Protein backbone atom coordinates (compact mmCIF):
# COMPACT_ATOMS: atom_id res chain seq x y z
CA MET A 1 -0.06 -0.01 0.02
CA SER A 2 1.42 3.40 -0.98
CA VAL A 3 1.16 6.68 0.90
CA PRO A 4 -0.95 9.14 -1.00
CA THR A 5 0.85 11.82 -2.94
CA GLY A 6 1.57 14.90 -0.87
CA ALA A 7 1.51 12.92 2.45
CA ALA A 8 5.31 12.09 2.75
CA THR A 9 6.14 11.27 6.27
CA VAL A 10 8.78 13.08 8.31
CA PRO A 11 11.31 10.23 7.93
CA ALA A 12 11.39 10.58 4.23
CA ARG A 13 12.59 14.22 4.51
CA VAL A 14 14.70 14.21 7.76
CA LEU A 15 16.37 10.66 7.35
CA ALA A 16 17.30 11.14 3.72
CA PRO A 17 21.18 11.15 3.05
CA GLY A 18 22.42 14.46 4.37
CA GLY A 19 18.94 15.49 5.37
CA SER A 20 19.70 15.41 9.11
CA ALA A 21 22.78 17.54 8.81
CA ARG A 22 20.97 20.24 6.69
CA THR A 23 18.07 20.26 8.93
CA VAL A 24 20.15 20.94 12.01
CA VAL A 25 22.96 22.99 10.71
CA ALA A 26 21.14 25.38 8.48
CA PRO A 27 18.74 26.85 11.24
CA ILE A 28 21.58 27.14 13.74
CA ALA A 29 23.84 29.03 11.14
CA PHE A 30 20.94 31.28 10.33
CA GLY A 31 20.12 31.91 13.97
CA VAL A 32 23.71 32.73 14.86
CA VAL A 33 23.99 35.27 11.97
CA PHE A 34 20.60 36.87 12.91
CA VAL A 35 21.55 37.23 16.58
CA GLY A 36 24.93 38.71 15.62
CA LEU A 37 23.34 41.33 13.29
CA TRP A 38 20.69 42.04 15.85
CA GLN A 39 23.35 42.68 18.56
CA GLY A 40 25.52 44.75 16.20
CA LEU A 41 22.65 46.95 15.03
CA VAL A 42 21.35 47.55 18.61
CA SER A 43 24.79 48.40 19.93
CA GLY A 44 25.98 50.34 16.85
CA LEU A 45 22.81 52.46 16.42
CA GLY A 46 22.20 52.91 20.09
CA ILE A 47 18.65 51.70 19.94
CA ASP A 48 16.68 52.23 23.05
CA PRO A 49 15.52 49.05 24.96
CA TYR A 50 11.89 50.04 24.77
CA VAL A 51 12.27 49.69 21.01
CA VAL A 52 14.16 46.51 20.95
CA PRO A 53 16.81 45.30 23.59
CA ALA A 54 20.09 43.77 22.77
CA PRO A 55 20.28 39.91 22.73
CA SER A 56 22.89 40.17 25.41
CA ALA A 57 20.60 42.06 27.79
CA ILE A 58 17.90 39.50 27.05
CA LEU A 59 20.28 36.66 27.91
CA ALA A 60 21.26 38.33 31.04
CA GLU A 61 17.75 38.63 32.22
CA VAL A 62 17.17 34.94 31.30
CA VAL A 63 20.05 33.99 33.40
CA ASP A 64 19.09 36.18 36.39
CA ASN A 65 15.37 35.10 36.32
CA ALA A 66 15.88 31.59 35.10
CA GLY A 67 13.61 30.23 37.90
CA SER A 68 10.85 32.69 37.11
CA VAL A 69 10.99 32.00 33.46
CA ALA A 70 10.93 28.26 33.96
CA SER A 71 7.97 28.54 36.40
CA GLY A 72 6.08 30.61 33.83
CA ALA A 73 6.85 28.31 31.06
CA ALA A 74 5.65 25.26 33.14
CA HIS A 75 2.33 27.05 33.97
CA THR A 76 1.59 28.09 30.45
CA GLY A 77 2.85 24.68 29.09
CA LEU A 78 0.43 22.68 31.36
CA ASN A 79 -2.49 24.73 29.96
CA ALA A 80 -1.35 24.33 26.51
CA LEU A 81 -0.87 20.51 27.01
CA LEU A 82 -4.29 20.03 28.47
CA GLY A 83 -5.85 22.11 25.61
CA LEU A 84 -3.76 20.10 22.96
CA VAL A 85 -4.94 16.74 24.41
CA ILE A 86 -8.55 17.76 24.73
CA GLY A 87 -8.72 19.45 21.40
CA THR A 88 -7.03 16.52 19.67
CA VAL A 89 -9.23 13.87 21.11
CA VAL A 90 -12.37 15.81 20.35
CA ALA A 91 -11.24 16.58 16.87
CA ILE A 92 -10.30 13.01 16.00
CA VAL A 93 -13.67 11.72 17.31
CA PHE A 94 -15.63 14.18 15.19
CA ALA A 95 -13.48 13.60 12.23
CA VAL A 96 -14.14 9.81 12.37
CA LEU A 97 -17.98 10.40 12.80
CA ALA A 98 -17.97 13.02 9.83
CA SER A 99 -16.15 10.52 7.64
CA VAL A 100 -18.70 7.95 8.32
CA VAL A 101 -21.86 10.09 8.41
CA ARG A 102 -21.80 12.52 5.41
CA VAL A 103 -24.77 14.52 6.80
CA LEU A 104 -22.74 15.08 9.99
CA ASP A 105 -19.89 16.39 7.87
CA GLN A 106 -22.14 18.85 5.99
CA LEU A 107 -23.70 20.13 9.19
CA ALA A 108 -20.33 20.58 10.77
CA ALA A 109 -18.73 22.52 7.94
CA PRO A 110 -20.17 26.01 8.77
CA VAL A 111 -19.43 25.46 12.49
CA VAL A 112 -15.78 24.66 11.68
CA ALA A 113 -15.59 27.66 9.45
CA ALA A 114 -16.94 29.80 12.16
CA LEU A 115 -14.57 28.49 14.75
CA SER A 116 -11.53 28.89 12.49
CA VAL A 117 -12.12 32.66 12.33
CA MET A 118 -13.05 33.26 15.94
CA PRO A 119 -10.61 35.69 17.46
CA ILE A 120 -9.01 34.59 20.77
CA VAL A 121 -9.09 38.21 21.89
CA ALA A 122 -12.87 38.17 21.96
CA LEU A 123 -13.20 34.71 23.20
CA ALA A 124 -10.96 34.75 26.30
CA PRO A 125 -12.82 37.44 28.30
CA VAL A 126 -16.17 35.59 27.59
CA LEU A 127 -14.85 32.30 28.91
CA TYR A 128 -13.31 34.12 31.96
CA THR A 129 -16.81 35.53 32.70
CA LEU A 130 -18.47 32.00 32.34
CA TYR A 131 -15.95 30.01 34.30
CA GLY A 132 -14.51 32.64 36.61
CA ALA A 133 -11.15 34.33 36.68
CA ALA A 134 -9.80 32.06 39.57
CA VAL A 135 -9.42 28.96 37.64
CA GLU A 136 -7.53 27.91 34.45
CA THR A 137 -10.64 26.47 32.65
CA ALA A 138 -10.84 29.40 30.21
CA ARG A 139 -7.15 29.19 29.22
CA VAL A 140 -7.38 25.50 28.61
CA LEU A 141 -10.70 25.85 26.56
CA VAL A 142 -9.08 28.58 24.38
CA ALA A 143 -6.04 26.32 23.69
CA ALA A 144 -8.40 23.43 22.96
CA LEU A 145 -10.55 25.43 20.46
CA ALA A 146 -7.36 26.61 18.66
CA VAL A 147 -6.20 22.96 18.35
CA LEU A 148 -9.62 21.53 17.32
CA ILE A 149 -9.68 23.09 13.85
CA PRO A 150 -6.37 22.04 12.25
CA VAL A 151 -6.45 18.55 13.84
CA TYR A 152 -10.18 18.00 12.59
CA VAL A 153 -9.53 19.25 8.99
CA ASN A 154 -6.39 17.34 8.40
CA THR A 155 -7.65 14.06 10.12
CA LEU A 156 -10.85 14.21 8.05
CA ARG A 157 -8.95 14.72 4.92
CA GLY A 158 -6.75 11.78 5.72
CA LEU A 159 -9.55 9.57 6.57
CA ARG A 160 -10.89 10.07 2.91
CA GLN A 161 -7.69 9.16 1.19
CA THR A 162 -8.23 5.50 1.27
CA LYS A 163 -8.61 4.24 -2.37
CA PRO A 164 -11.77 2.20 -3.29
CA VAL A 165 -9.56 -0.58 -4.75
CA HIS A 166 -7.92 -1.15 -1.33
CA ARG A 167 -11.37 -1.34 0.43
CA ASP A 168 -12.46 -3.90 -2.21
CA LEU A 169 -9.36 -5.93 -1.53
CA MET A 170 -10.15 -5.92 2.10
CA ARG A 171 -13.62 -6.96 1.51
CA ALA A 172 -12.49 -9.81 -0.74
CA TYR A 173 -10.37 -11.14 2.19
CA ALA A 174 -13.58 -10.94 4.39
CA ALA A 175 -12.23 -8.19 6.58
CA THR A 176 -14.76 -6.78 9.00
CA SER A 177 -15.55 -2.94 9.17
CA PHE A 178 -13.43 -2.66 12.21
CA GLN A 179 -10.46 -4.43 10.55
CA GLN A 180 -10.75 -2.26 7.58
CA GLN A 181 -10.63 0.92 9.73
CA TRP A 182 -7.72 -0.45 11.81
CA ALA A 183 -5.49 -1.81 9.13
CA LEU A 184 -6.35 0.55 6.17
CA THR A 185 -8.10 3.85 7.01
CA LEU A 186 -6.20 4.70 10.10
CA PRO A 187 -2.67 4.02 8.81
CA THR A 188 -3.51 5.97 5.60
CA ALA A 189 -4.85 8.93 7.62
CA ALA A 190 -1.80 8.92 9.97
CA PRO A 191 0.30 11.43 8.12
CA TYR A 192 -2.44 13.90 7.81
CA LEU A 193 -3.27 13.52 11.54
CA PHE A 194 0.29 14.31 12.50
CA THR A 195 0.55 17.24 10.09
CA GLY A 196 -2.57 18.74 11.92
CA LEU A 197 -0.88 17.94 15.27
CA ARG A 198 2.36 19.69 14.41
CA ILE A 199 0.44 22.75 13.51
CA ALA A 200 -1.72 22.48 16.62
CA SER A 201 1.09 21.97 18.95
CA SER A 202 2.32 25.51 18.40
CA LEU A 203 -1.15 26.98 18.31
CA ALA A 204 -1.80 25.57 21.66
CA VAL A 205 1.08 27.49 23.22
CA ILE A 206 0.17 30.65 21.46
CA SER A 207 -3.47 30.44 22.39
CA ALA A 208 -2.76 29.58 26.02
CA LEU A 209 -0.24 32.57 26.19
CA VAL A 210 -2.53 35.09 24.64
CA ALA A 211 -5.38 34.00 27.03
CA GLU A 212 -3.29 34.92 29.87
CA TYR A 213 -3.31 38.62 28.89
CA PHE A 214 -7.01 38.90 29.63
CA GLY A 215 -7.27 37.79 33.18
CA GLY A 216 -7.16 34.44 35.13
CA PRO A 217 -4.96 33.32 37.94
CA ILE A 218 -1.50 34.94 38.52
CA GLY A 219 1.15 32.87 36.67
CA GLY A 220 2.24 32.02 33.23
CA LEU A 221 4.42 33.72 30.67
CA GLY A 222 1.63 35.98 29.36
CA LYS A 223 1.07 37.48 32.78
CA SER A 224 4.82 37.76 33.23
CA ILE A 225 5.30 39.62 29.93
CA THR A 226 2.63 42.12 30.62
CA SER A 227 3.87 42.74 34.16
CA ALA A 228 7.58 43.28 33.01
CA ALA A 229 6.43 45.51 30.12
CA SER A 230 4.16 47.63 32.44
CA SER A 231 7.18 48.32 34.73
CA SER A 232 9.33 49.35 31.71
CA ASN A 233 11.67 46.34 32.27
CA TYR A 234 11.75 45.51 28.46
CA PRO A 235 14.78 43.15 28.47
CA LEU A 236 12.91 41.04 31.14
CA ALA A 237 9.76 41.05 29.03
CA TRP A 238 11.76 39.79 26.04
CA ALA A 239 13.26 37.17 28.36
CA TYR A 240 9.76 35.85 28.96
CA VAL A 241 9.03 36.02 25.22
CA LEU A 242 12.10 33.81 24.64
CA GLY A 243 10.76 31.39 27.13
CA ALA A 244 7.52 31.35 25.19
CA ILE A 245 9.45 30.68 21.97
CA VAL A 246 11.34 27.79 23.54
CA LEU A 247 8.20 26.38 24.95
CA GLY A 248 6.49 26.50 21.45
CA LEU A 249 9.61 24.78 19.93
CA VAL A 250 9.54 22.06 22.58
CA PHE A 251 5.94 21.20 21.77
CA TYR A 252 6.62 21.19 17.99
CA VAL A 253 9.67 18.95 18.40
CA VAL A 254 7.76 16.54 20.58
CA ALA A 255 4.97 16.37 18.01
CA LEU A 256 7.54 15.94 15.24
CA LEU A 257 9.21 12.95 17.20
CA ALA A 258 5.80 11.40 17.77
CA GLU A 259 5.30 11.46 13.97
CA VAL A 260 8.67 10.02 13.35
CA VAL A 261 8.14 7.15 15.77
CA ALA A 262 4.51 6.48 14.59
CA THR A 263 5.26 6.54 10.79
CA ARG A 264 8.74 5.03 10.82
CA HIS A 265 7.54 1.84 9.22
CA ARG A 266 5.51 3.43 6.39
CA PRO A 267 6.74 3.23 2.86
CA THR A 268 7.58 6.67 1.29
C-alpha cells in the first residue's frame, strides 16, 4: 500500500542522506547570523531598550530570572498541553464520525468555518466571565478550540484518502468494518493527523499565552510579559518572550518526534 501523494512522512525528509545535517546546521547558522546582526545593530545604532533590547541584555535577564521563566513556562505549558490533548481527542472523534456520516460532515462545515475565524481576543474574556477568573478552565478551553480546527480538518482529509480498490481488496479477504478501519483507513490517515498535530502544537502554546493577557490566575508567561512591560523592564519582558518561543519549539519537536516514531515503518 502506498502513501497518497503529498502525504510524505517526516522520515522521508529528515532521514534522507544528508537531510539530518542540513536540517540541524542550516537553522543554527541562520540563528547565529541573525542574533549577531541584531546585537550589532542595537549596539552600533544605540537603539533604546523599549524599541528592542540587545540579545545580550535579554540573555542576562534569562540567566538572572531563570527560575521565574521556567515557572511561567511550566504554567503556560500545562494549560497548552491540556488544551492540546482535549482538542486533539475531540477533533479525532468528530473527524471519524464525519467521515462515516456525510450528513454530519455537511452540518459541521459551517461550525468549523466559524470556529476557524473566531478571535481569541474576543473569546478569552467571555470564557473568564463564564467560568471565573480564579481557575484555569478558560485558558485550557481557548487552547483546545485553537487545536480543534487544524486537527479536525487534516484528520478528516486523511480518512478520505483510502482508495476504493484497497477497500475492495479488504472486503475480498472478508475483513470486518473494524479491521478495515484499523488496518487500512487509520494508517492512511496517520500522516495527515500528524500534520495537523504539528500545526496545533504551536497553536496551543500561542493560544494559552494570549489567553493569559486577559485575566485568570496569576502565573504563566503571558502575565509575566505584561507585568515586566508595564514596569518598563523591556529586557525582562523579552526574556519571557524567549521562554515562550522555547516552549513552542519544545511542543513542536515533541509532535515531530511522535510522527517519526509512529510513521517510521511506512513506505515513502
